[in-house]
Amino acid sequence: MKNKFFTVLASAILGITVSFGGSFRASAQNDPLPSWNDTAAKGAIVEFVGRVSKAGGPDFVAPAERIATFDNDGTLWVEQPMYVQMAFALDRVKALASLHPEWKDTQLSRPSSKRT
């Protein structure tokens, strides 16, 4: 009974999504970075990309030579990133190490995969 209910519910949600999805038309996007504030940095980036991607221009960079990496929210990443959470955890270990001298001699163990 539950499975039938969830199947009907999932089918209804899928049908509504498909129906509405086709009724919205994508509008032309004039702003290449619509979620960015209109600042000098944004203008400089847009101008730079325009210069280096204009074929035949003096600053043109061939597509095969272009490199850009992006993180989870679309901003540029450094070449060898470290997550903020990892940096925080390492800083906390350093700060707390003097309070826990046993950490020098105790190896961390993996949690058991067995459920009790």
N, C-alpha and C. Protein backbone atom coordinates (compact mmCIF):
# COMPACT_ATOMS: atom_id res chain seq x y z
N MET A 1 0.82 -1.19 0.00
CA MET A 1 0.00 0.00 0.00
C MET A 1 0.87 1.26 0.00
N LYS A 2 1.90 1.27 0.89
CA LYS A 2 2.80 2.43 0.94
C LYS A 2 3.54 2.61 -0.38
N ASN A 3 4.03 1.48 -0.95
CA ASN A 3 4.78 1.56 -2.19
C ASN A 3 3.93 2.14 -3.31
N LYS A 4 2.66 1.74 -3.38
CA LYS A 4 1.77 2.25 -4.42
C LYS A 4 1.57 3.76 -4.24
N PHE A 5 1.39 4.19 -3.00
CA PHE A 5 1.20 5.62 -2.70
C PHE A 5 2.41 6.42 -3.17
N PHE A 6 3.62 5.94 -2.82
CA PHE A 6 4.83 6.66 -3.20
C PHE A 6 5.05 6.65 -4.72
N THR A 7 4.67 5.56 -5.37
CA THR A 7 4.78 5.50 -6.83
C THR A 7 3.86 6.51 -7.48
N VAL A 8 2.63 6.60 -7.00
CA VAL A 8 1.67 7.57 -7.54
C VAL A 8 2.15 8.99 -7.26
N LEU A 9 2.63 9.24 -6.04
CA LEU A 9 3.12 10.57 -5.68
C LEU A 9 4.31 10.96 -6.55
N ALA A 10 5.27 10.05 -6.73
CA ALA A 10 6.44 10.34 -7.56
C ALA A 10 6.03 10.60 -9.01
N SER A 11 5.08 9.83 -9.52
CA SER A 11 4.60 10.04 -10.89
C SER A 11 3.93 11.39 -11.03
N ALA A 12 3.16 11.80 -10.03
CA ALA A 12 2.48 13.10 -10.08
C ALA A 12 3.50 14.23 -10.07
N ILE A 13 4.49 14.12 -9.20
CA ILE A 13 5.53 15.16 -9.12
C ILE A 13 6.30 15.24 -10.44
N LEU A 14 6.65 14.10 -11.01
CA LEU A 14 7.36 14.07 -12.28
C LEU A 14 6.51 14.70 -13.38
N GLY A 15 5.23 14.36 -13.42
CA GLY A 15 4.34 14.92 -14.44
C GLY A 15 4.21 16.42 -14.33
N ILE A 16 4.08 16.93 -13.11
CA ILE A 16 3.96 18.38 -12.90
C ILE A 16 5.26 19.07 -13.30
N THR A 17 6.38 18.48 -12.92
CA THR A 17 7.68 19.06 -13.26
C THR A 17 7.87 19.14 -14.77
N VAL A 18 7.56 18.07 -15.48
CA VAL A 18 7.72 18.05 -16.94
C VAL A 18 6.77 19.06 -17.58
N SER A 19 5.53 19.15 -17.08
CA SER A 19 4.55 20.08 -17.64
C SER A 19 5.01 21.52 -17.51
N PHE A 20 5.43 21.89 -16.32
CA PHE A 20 5.85 23.27 -16.10
C PHE A 20 7.22 23.56 -16.73
N GLY A 21 8.09 22.56 -16.75
CA GLY A 21 9.42 22.76 -17.31
C GLY A 21 9.39 23.20 -18.76
N GLY A 22 8.45 22.67 -19.53
CA GLY A 22 8.35 23.03 -20.93
C GLY A 22 7.70 24.38 -21.15
N SER A 23 6.99 24.91 -20.16
CA SER A 23 6.26 26.15 -20.37
C SER A 23 7.10 27.39 -20.10
N PHE A 24 8.24 27.23 -19.48
CA PHE A 24 9.12 28.37 -19.22
C PHE A 24 10.17 28.45 -20.32
N ARG A 25 10.32 29.61 -20.89
CA ARG A 25 11.31 29.79 -21.94
C ARG A 25 12.55 30.46 -21.37
N ALA A 26 13.69 29.98 -21.81
CA ALA A 26 14.93 30.59 -21.35
C ALA A 26 15.09 31.95 -22.03
N SER A 27 15.39 32.94 -21.23
CA SER A 27 15.60 34.26 -21.80
C SER A 27 17.09 34.46 -22.08
N ALA A 28 17.38 35.29 -23.07
CA ALA A 28 18.77 35.57 -23.41
C ALA A 28 19.44 36.25 -22.22
N GLN A 29 20.62 35.83 -21.93
CA GLN A 29 21.35 36.37 -20.78
C GLN A 29 22.35 37.39 -21.27
N ASN A 30 22.09 38.66 -20.96
CA ASN A 30 22.98 39.72 -21.39
C ASN A 30 24.18 39.86 -20.46
N ASP A 31 23.98 39.57 -19.20
CA ASP A 31 25.04 39.72 -18.20
C ASP A 31 25.73 38.37 -18.00
N PRO A 32 27.02 38.25 -18.33
CA PRO A 32 27.68 36.96 -18.17
C PRO A 32 27.87 36.53 -16.72
N LEU A 33 27.76 37.47 -15.79
CA LEU A 33 27.90 37.14 -14.36
C LEU A 33 26.73 37.79 -13.60
N PRO A 34 25.52 37.30 -13.80
CA PRO A 34 24.35 37.98 -13.24
C PRO A 34 24.29 38.01 -11.72
N SER A 35 24.92 37.08 -11.05
CA SER A 35 24.85 37.07 -9.59
C SER A 35 25.93 37.92 -8.94
N TRP A 36 26.83 38.49 -9.73
CA TRP A 36 27.90 39.33 -9.20
C TRP A 36 27.44 40.77 -9.11
N ASN A 37 27.92 41.47 -8.11
CA ASN A 37 27.68 42.92 -8.02
C ASN A 37 28.43 43.61 -9.14
N ASP A 38 27.90 44.74 -9.60
CA ASP A 38 28.53 45.48 -10.68
C ASP A 38 29.68 46.31 -10.10
N THR A 39 30.86 45.71 -10.07
CA THR A 39 32.04 46.36 -9.48
C THR A 39 33.17 46.43 -10.50
N ALA A 40 34.23 47.11 -10.12
CA ALA A 40 35.40 47.21 -11.00
C ALA A 40 36.01 45.83 -11.25
N ALA A 41 36.01 44.96 -10.24
CA ALA A 41 36.57 43.61 -10.40
C ALA A 41 35.78 42.83 -11.44
N LYS A 42 34.46 42.90 -11.38
CA LYS A 42 33.63 42.20 -12.35
C LYS A 42 33.90 42.74 -13.75
N GLY A 43 33.96 44.05 -13.88
CA GLY A 43 34.23 44.66 -15.17
C GLY A 43 35.58 44.25 -15.74
N ALA A 44 36.59 44.19 -14.87
CA ALA A 44 37.93 43.80 -15.30
C ALA A 44 37.95 42.35 -15.78
N ILE A 45 37.25 41.48 -15.09
CA ILE A 45 37.21 40.07 -15.48
C ILE A 45 36.50 39.90 -16.82
N VAL A 46 35.35 40.54 -16.97
CA VAL A 46 34.60 40.44 -18.22
C VAL A 46 35.43 41.00 -19.38
N GLU A 47 36.09 42.11 -19.14
CA GLU A 47 36.93 42.73 -20.18
C GLU A 47 38.11 41.83 -20.54
N PHE A 48 38.74 41.23 -19.53
CA PHE A 48 39.87 40.33 -19.76
C PHE A 48 39.44 39.12 -20.59
N VAL A 49 38.35 38.51 -20.21
CA VAL A 49 37.87 37.33 -20.94
C VAL A 49 37.54 37.71 -22.38
N GLY A 50 36.94 38.89 -22.56
CA GLY A 50 36.65 39.35 -23.91
C GLY A 50 37.90 39.52 -24.75
N ARG A 51 38.96 40.09 -24.15
CA ARG A 51 40.22 40.31 -24.86
C ARG A 51 40.89 39.00 -25.26
N VAL A 52 40.98 38.08 -24.30
CA VAL A 52 41.75 36.86 -24.58
C VAL A 52 40.97 35.84 -25.40
N SER A 53 39.67 36.03 -25.56
CA SER A 53 38.88 35.08 -26.35
C SER A 53 38.49 35.62 -27.72
N LYS A 54 38.95 36.82 -28.08
CA LYS A 54 38.66 37.40 -29.39
C LYS A 54 39.70 36.92 -30.40
N ALA A 55 39.26 36.02 -31.29
CA ALA A 55 40.18 35.46 -32.29
C ALA A 55 40.77 36.58 -33.14
N GLY A 56 42.07 36.53 -33.33
CA GLY A 56 42.76 37.52 -34.12
C GLY A 56 43.22 38.73 -33.34
N GLY A 57 42.77 38.86 -32.08
CA GLY A 57 43.17 39.98 -31.25
C GLY A 57 44.59 39.80 -30.74
N PRO A 58 45.23 40.90 -30.31
CA PRO A 58 46.63 40.81 -29.85
C PRO A 58 46.79 39.99 -28.56
N ASP A 59 45.74 39.86 -27.76
CA ASP A 59 45.83 39.12 -26.50
C ASP A 59 45.15 37.76 -26.57
N PHE A 60 44.81 37.31 -27.77
CA PHE A 60 44.07 36.07 -27.94
C PHE A 60 44.84 34.88 -27.37
N VAL A 61 44.12 34.02 -26.64
CA VAL A 61 44.68 32.78 -26.11
C VAL A 61 43.87 31.64 -26.71
N ALA A 62 44.56 30.73 -27.37
CA ALA A 62 43.88 29.59 -28.00
C ALA A 62 43.15 28.77 -26.95
N PRO A 63 41.98 28.24 -27.29
CA PRO A 63 41.21 27.45 -26.32
C PRO A 63 42.00 26.33 -25.66
N ALA A 64 42.88 25.69 -26.40
CA ALA A 64 43.66 24.59 -25.84
C ALA A 64 44.64 25.06 -24.77
N GLU A 65 44.94 26.35 -24.76
CA GLU A 65 45.89 26.90 -23.80
C GLU A 65 45.21 27.59 -22.62
N ARG A 66 43.89 27.61 -22.61
CA ARG A 66 43.15 28.27 -21.53
C ARG A 66 42.94 27.30 -20.39
N ILE A 67 43.14 27.78 -19.17
CA ILE A 67 42.94 26.94 -17.99
C ILE A 67 42.18 27.76 -16.95
N ALA A 68 41.12 27.20 -16.43
CA ALA A 68 40.39 27.81 -15.32
C ALA A 68 39.80 26.69 -14.49
N THR A 69 39.86 26.81 -13.19
CA THR A 69 39.23 25.84 -12.30
C THR A 69 38.25 26.57 -11.40
N PHE A 70 37.18 25.92 -11.07
CA PHE A 70 36.14 26.55 -10.28
C PHE A 70 35.78 25.66 -9.11
N ASP A 71 35.42 26.28 -7.99
CA ASP A 71 35.03 25.48 -6.84
C ASP A 71 33.53 25.30 -6.85
N ASN A 72 33.00 24.82 -5.74
CA ASN A 72 31.59 24.44 -5.68
C ASN A 72 30.62 25.59 -5.90
N ASP A 73 31.00 26.81 -5.61
CA ASP A 73 30.06 27.92 -5.81
C ASP A 73 30.40 28.74 -7.04
N GLY A 74 31.30 28.26 -7.89
CA GLY A 74 31.57 28.91 -9.15
C GLY A 74 32.68 29.93 -9.13
N THR A 75 33.32 30.14 -8.00
CA THR A 75 34.42 31.09 -7.95
C THR A 75 35.73 30.39 -8.28
N LEU A 76 36.73 31.15 -8.65
CA LEU A 76 38.01 30.54 -9.02
C LEU A 76 38.69 29.91 -7.81
N TRP A 77 39.35 28.80 -8.05
CA TRP A 77 40.11 28.10 -7.02
C TRP A 77 41.59 28.34 -7.24
N VAL A 78 42.34 28.28 -6.19
CA VAL A 78 43.79 28.33 -6.33
C VAL A 78 44.26 27.00 -6.90
N GLU A 79 45.52 26.93 -7.30
CA GLU A 79 46.00 25.73 -7.99
C GLU A 79 45.90 24.47 -7.12
N GLN A 80 46.26 24.59 -5.85
CA GLN A 80 46.17 23.44 -4.96
C GLN A 80 45.35 23.84 -3.73
N PRO A 81 44.04 23.72 -3.85
CA PRO A 81 43.17 24.23 -2.78
C PRO A 81 43.14 23.33 -1.55
N MET A 82 42.80 23.94 -0.44
CA MET A 82 42.54 23.21 0.78
C MET A 82 41.20 23.73 1.30
N TYR A 83 40.30 22.84 1.56
CA TYR A 83 39.00 23.27 2.05
C TYR A 83 39.15 24.04 3.36
N VAL A 84 38.31 25.01 3.54
CA VAL A 84 38.34 25.83 4.75
C VAL A 84 38.16 24.95 5.98
N GLN A 85 37.31 23.95 5.87
CA GLN A 85 37.07 23.06 7.02
C GLN A 85 38.35 22.31 7.39
N MET A 86 39.12 21.90 6.39
CA MET A 86 40.37 21.19 6.66
C MET A 86 41.37 22.12 7.35
N ALA A 87 41.48 23.35 6.85
CA ALA A 87 42.39 24.31 7.47
C ALA A 87 41.98 24.57 8.92
N PHE A 88 40.68 24.69 9.17
CA PHE A 88 40.18 24.90 10.53
C PHE A 88 40.54 23.71 11.42
N ALA A 89 40.31 22.49 10.92
CA ALA A 89 40.59 21.30 11.71
C ALA A 89 42.08 21.20 12.06
N LEU A 90 42.95 21.48 11.10
CA LEU A 90 44.39 21.43 11.38
C LEU A 90 44.80 22.49 12.40
N ASP A 91 44.23 23.68 12.29
CA ASP A 91 44.53 24.73 13.27
C ASP A 91 44.05 24.34 14.66
N ARG A 92 42.89 23.69 14.75
CA ARG A 92 42.37 23.27 16.06
C ARG A 92 43.26 22.19 16.68
N VAL A 93 43.74 21.25 15.86
CA VAL A 93 44.63 20.20 16.38
C VAL A 93 45.89 20.84 16.94
N LYS A 94 46.46 21.80 16.21
CA LYS A 94 47.66 22.49 16.69
C LYS A 94 47.38 23.23 18.00
N ALA A 95 46.24 23.88 18.08
CA ALA A 95 45.91 24.66 19.28
C ALA A 95 45.66 23.76 20.49
N LEU A 96 45.10 22.57 20.27
CA LEU A 96 44.75 21.69 21.38
C LEU A 96 45.84 20.67 21.71
N ALA A 97 46.85 20.57 20.88
CA ALA A 97 47.89 19.55 21.07
C ALA A 97 48.59 19.67 22.43
N SER A 98 48.82 20.88 22.89
CA SER A 98 49.52 21.05 24.18
C SER A 98 48.67 20.55 25.35
N LEU A 99 47.35 20.50 25.17
CA LEU A 99 46.46 19.99 26.22
C LEU A 99 46.32 18.47 26.18
N HIS A 100 46.79 17.85 25.11
CA HIS A 100 46.65 16.41 24.94
C HIS A 100 47.99 15.79 24.54
N PRO A 101 48.93 15.66 25.45
CA PRO A 101 50.23 15.10 25.10
C PRO A 101 50.13 13.64 24.64
N GLU A 102 49.07 12.95 25.02
CA GLU A 102 48.91 11.55 24.60
C GLU A 102 48.73 11.42 23.09
N TRP A 103 48.37 12.50 22.41
CA TRP A 103 48.21 12.46 20.96
C TRP A 103 49.52 12.14 20.25
N LYS A 104 50.65 12.46 20.88
CA LYS A 104 51.95 12.18 20.26
C LYS A 104 52.19 10.68 20.12
N ASP A 105 51.67 9.89 21.05
CA ASP A 105 51.96 8.46 21.09
C ASP A 105 50.77 7.60 20.70
N THR A 106 49.63 8.18 20.46
CA THR A 106 48.43 7.40 20.16
C THR A 106 48.08 7.54 18.68
N GLN A 107 48.02 6.41 18.00
CA GLN A 107 47.66 6.42 16.60
C GLN A 107 46.15 6.42 16.48
N LEU A 108 45.63 7.22 15.57
CA LEU A 108 44.19 7.23 15.33
C LEU A 108 43.79 5.91 14.72
N SER A 109 42.63 5.41 15.10
CA SER A 109 42.14 4.18 14.51
C SER A 109 40.87 4.47 13.72
N ARG A 110 40.64 3.63 12.74
CA ARG A 110 39.43 3.77 11.95
C ARG A 110 38.25 3.26 12.75
N PRO A 111 37.09 3.90 12.57
CA PRO A 111 35.90 3.37 13.24
C PRO A 111 35.55 2.01 12.64
N SER A 112 35.03 1.16 13.45
CA SER A 112 34.65 -0.18 13.00
C SER A 112 33.45 -0.07 12.08
N SER A 113 33.46 -0.90 11.03
CA SER A 113 32.32 -0.89 10.10
C SER A 113 31.22 -1.83 10.58
N LYS A 114 31.52 -2.59 11.66
CA LYS A 114 30.52 -3.51 12.20
C LYS A 114 29.52 -2.74 13.05
N ARG A 115 28.27 -3.09 12.85
CA ARG A 115 27.22 -2.47 13.66
C ARG A 115 26.89 -3.38 14.83
N THR A 116 26.70 -2.75 15.97
CA THR A 116 26.38 -3.58 17.14
C THR A 116 24.96 -3.35 17.57
